[in-house]
């Protein structure tokens, strides 16, 4: 981390300074954000992101804290166990796979683990689970990164799939 920058945690409603939604820095009037997809800093002026979050959502953090946030890639990811529906969940059926969300200023990326291909791929499961118009939505149970790793071992027989 550099002394030339001021660092800010992005903390909208529902997030905390300990677990923010984004990481920003500025040098003078030039803003950059940490992409939580490619783990690189991007200049705001050179990206598809057009605005800095509202001042009320930006909380100053030290360069040391910013470095710790940047290094903790798992801290930025949310995981869920995916069930066919709520009935399967309530009846104690095993989840079918694991879903994760990586939210970054330039894009929110929802992915499910595709065991047959051994990769993470796009999914609409998160949106469908929250859509009241869906007649039989999937059921998601939020889990830790450690539990997601355990589930992927149990369901698909893989290890290390949650590594970023």
Protein backbone atom coordinates (compact mmCIF):
# COMPACT_ATOMS: atom_id res chain seq x y z
CA UNK A 1 0.00 0.00 0.00
CA UNK A 2 1.17 3.46 -0.71
CA UNK A 3 1.31 6.56 1.44
CA UNK A 4 0.15 8.62 -1.55
CA UNK A 5 -3.38 7.23 -1.26
CA UNK A 6 -6.27 7.73 1.11
CA UNK A 7 -8.27 4.49 1.53
CA UNK A 8 -12.00 4.05 2.05
CA UNK A 9 -14.25 1.11 2.85
CA UNK A 10 -17.60 1.27 1.05
CA UNK A 11 -20.29 0.62 3.65
CA UNK A 12 -23.85 0.87 2.30
CA UNK A 13 -26.83 -0.20 4.39
CA UNK A 14 -26.52 -3.84 5.45
CA UNK A 15 -22.71 -3.82 5.53
CA UNK A 16 -20.17 -2.95 8.21
CA UNK A 17 -16.73 -1.39 8.23
CA UNK A 18 -15.42 -4.83 9.25
CA UNK A 19 -17.12 -6.44 6.23
CA UNK A 20 -17.61 -3.67 3.65
CA UNK A 21 -19.05 -3.86 0.14
CA UNK A 22 -16.06 -2.34 -1.62
CA UNK A 23 -12.62 -0.81 -1.26
CA UNK A 24 -11.69 2.56 -2.77
CA UNK A 25 -8.65 4.80 -2.76
CA UNK A 26 -7.80 8.25 -3.99
CA UNK A 27 -4.77 10.34 -4.73
CA UNK A 28 -5.84 13.96 -4.91
CA UNK A 29 -9.00 13.94 -7.03
CA UNK A 30 -8.23 10.65 -8.80
CA UNK A 31 -10.32 7.71 -7.56
CA UNK A 32 -9.66 3.99 -7.96
CA UNK A 33 -11.59 0.93 -6.83
CA UNK A 34 -10.43 -2.59 -6.11
CA UNK A 35 -12.11 -4.97 -8.53
CA UNK A 36 -13.32 -7.92 -6.54
CA UNK A 37 -13.40 -9.92 -9.76
CA UNK A 38 -9.83 -9.55 -11.04
CA UNK A 39 -8.21 -8.23 -7.80
CA UNK A 40 -6.67 -5.22 -9.54
CA UNK A 41 -7.05 -1.52 -8.84
CA UNK A 42 -8.93 0.32 -11.61
CA UNK A 43 -8.97 4.07 -12.26
CA UNK A 44 -12.53 5.32 -12.18
CA UNK A 45 -11.98 7.45 -15.29
CA UNK A 46 -10.85 4.37 -17.28
CA UNK A 47 -13.66 2.03 -16.23
CA UNK A 48 -17.35 1.43 -16.79
CA UNK A 49 -17.99 2.60 -13.22
CA UNK A 50 -18.92 6.25 -13.47
CA UNK A 51 -19.33 7.50 -9.90
CA UNK A 52 -17.80 7.15 -6.49
CA UNK A 53 -20.22 5.89 -3.81
CA UNK A 54 -22.00 8.57 -1.78
CA UNK A 55 -19.78 10.21 0.84
CA UNK A 56 -21.97 8.79 3.63
CA UNK A 57 -21.08 5.25 2.51
CA UNK A 58 -17.31 5.81 2.44
CA UNK A 59 -15.42 5.29 5.70
CA UNK A 60 -11.74 6.16 5.90
CA UNK A 61 -9.45 3.24 6.73
CA UNK A 62 -5.73 3.07 7.28
CA UNK A 63 -3.39 1.77 4.59
CA UNK A 64 -2.75 -1.25 6.82
CA UNK A 65 -6.47 -2.02 7.12
CA UNK A 66 -6.89 -1.56 3.36
CA UNK A 67 -4.04 -4.01 2.76
CA UNK A 68 -5.70 -6.55 5.06
CA UNK A 69 -9.05 -6.15 3.30
CA UNK A 70 -7.39 -6.50 -0.10
CA UNK A 71 -5.56 -9.67 0.98
CA UNK A 72 -8.70 -11.36 2.38
CA UNK A 73 -10.39 -12.38 -0.86
CA UNK A 74 -12.87 -14.69 0.88
CA UNK A 75 -14.13 -11.80 2.98
CA UNK A 76 -15.74 -10.30 -0.13
CA UNK A 77 -17.65 -13.41 -1.21
CA UNK A 78 -21.04 -14.70 0.00
CA UNK A 79 -21.85 -18.40 -0.29
CA UNK A 80 -25.11 -20.33 -0.17
CA UNK A 81 -26.07 -23.99 -0.20
CA UNK A 82 -28.53 -24.43 -3.07
CA UNK A 83 -31.61 -26.61 -2.60
CA UNK A 84 -34.14 -27.48 -5.30
CA UNK A 85 -36.83 -25.76 -3.21
CA UNK A 86 -37.76 -24.90 0.37
CA UNK A 87 -39.62 -28.18 0.80
CA UNK A 88 -36.44 -30.19 0.09
CA UNK A 89 -34.56 -28.01 2.58
CA UNK A 90 -37.20 -28.52 5.31
CA UNK A 91 -37.28 -32.28 4.68
CA UNK A 92 -33.53 -32.52 5.23
CA UNK A 93 -32.56 -33.22 1.63
CA UNK A 94 -28.96 -32.46 0.74
CA UNK A 95 -28.21 -29.32 -1.26
CA UNK A 96 -27.55 -29.79 -4.97
CA UNK A 97 -24.53 -27.47 -5.13
CA UNK A 98 -23.07 -24.22 -3.80
CA UNK A 99 -23.77 -20.72 -5.11
CA UNK A 100 -21.59 -17.68 -4.55
CA UNK A 101 -21.87 -13.94 -5.14
CA UNK A 102 -18.92 -11.75 -5.93
CA UNK A 103 -20.05 -8.16 -5.83
CA UNK A 104 -17.73 -5.54 -7.30
CA UNK A 105 -18.26 -1.92 -8.33
CA UNK A 106 -18.24 -2.91 -12.01
CA UNK A 107 -20.44 -6.00 -11.78
CA UNK A 108 -22.32 -8.31 -9.45
CA UNK A 109 -21.47 -11.89 -10.37
CA UNK A 110 -23.59 -14.83 -9.18
CA UNK A 111 -22.10 -18.25 -9.87
CA UNK A 112 -22.92 -21.86 -9.06
CA UNK A 113 -20.42 -24.67 -8.92
CA UNK A 114 -20.88 -27.00 -11.86
CA UNK A 115 -19.57 -30.29 -10.62
CA UNK A 116 -19.82 -32.07 -13.95
CA UNK A 117 -17.53 -29.45 -15.51
CA UNK A 118 -15.50 -28.64 -12.41
CA UNK A 119 -16.01 -24.88 -12.83
CA UNK A 120 -17.99 -21.97 -11.47
CA UNK A 121 -20.53 -20.66 -13.98
CA UNK A 122 -23.19 -17.96 -14.12
CA UNK A 123 -26.45 -18.65 -12.31
CA UNK A 124 -29.76 -16.90 -11.77
CA UNK A 125 -30.48 -18.88 -8.58
CA UNK A 126 -29.93 -15.92 -6.25
CA UNK A 127 -32.34 -13.69 -8.20
CA UNK A 128 -34.87 -16.51 -8.59
CA UNK A 129 -34.81 -17.29 -4.87
CA UNK A 130 -35.81 -13.69 -4.15
CA UNK A 131 -38.36 -13.23 -6.94
CA UNK A 132 -41.88 -13.43 -5.52
CA UNK A 133 -43.25 -14.09 -9.01
CA UNK A 134 -41.39 -17.40 -9.28
CA UNK A 135 -43.78 -20.29 -8.63
CA UNK A 136 -41.19 -22.76 -7.28
CA UNK A 137 -38.03 -20.83 -6.41
CA UNK A 138 -34.83 -22.52 -5.33
CA UNK A 139 -33.99 -22.26 -1.65
CA UNK A 140 -30.67 -20.77 -0.50
CA UNK A 141 -29.11 -21.20 2.92
CA UNK A 142 -26.20 -18.83 3.56
CA UNK A 143 -23.02 -20.66 4.60
CA UNK A 144 -19.45 -19.69 5.44
CA UNK A 145 -16.60 -20.17 2.97
CA UNK A 146 -15.43 -23.09 5.10
CA UNK A 147 -18.85 -24.75 4.99
CA UNK A 148 -19.08 -24.10 1.24
CA UNK A 149 -15.78 -25.92 0.81
CA UNK A 150 -17.07 -28.85 2.91
CA UNK A 151 -20.28 -29.04 0.87
CA UNK A 152 -18.38 -29.03 -2.42
CA UNK A 153 -16.27 -31.91 -1.12
CA UNK A 154 -19.39 -33.83 -0.06
CA UNK A 155 -21.45 -33.14 -3.18
CA UNK A 156 -18.84 -33.06 -5.95
CA UNK A 157 -15.75 -34.63 -4.37
CA UNK A 158 -13.57 -31.58 -5.00
CA UNK A 159 -11.32 -29.56 -2.75
CA UNK A 160 -10.06 -26.04 -3.24
CA UNK A 161 -13.03 -24.93 -5.34
CA UNK A 162 -13.62 -21.88 -3.16
CA UNK A 163 -10.07 -20.57 -3.62
CA UNK A 164 -9.95 -17.20 -5.36
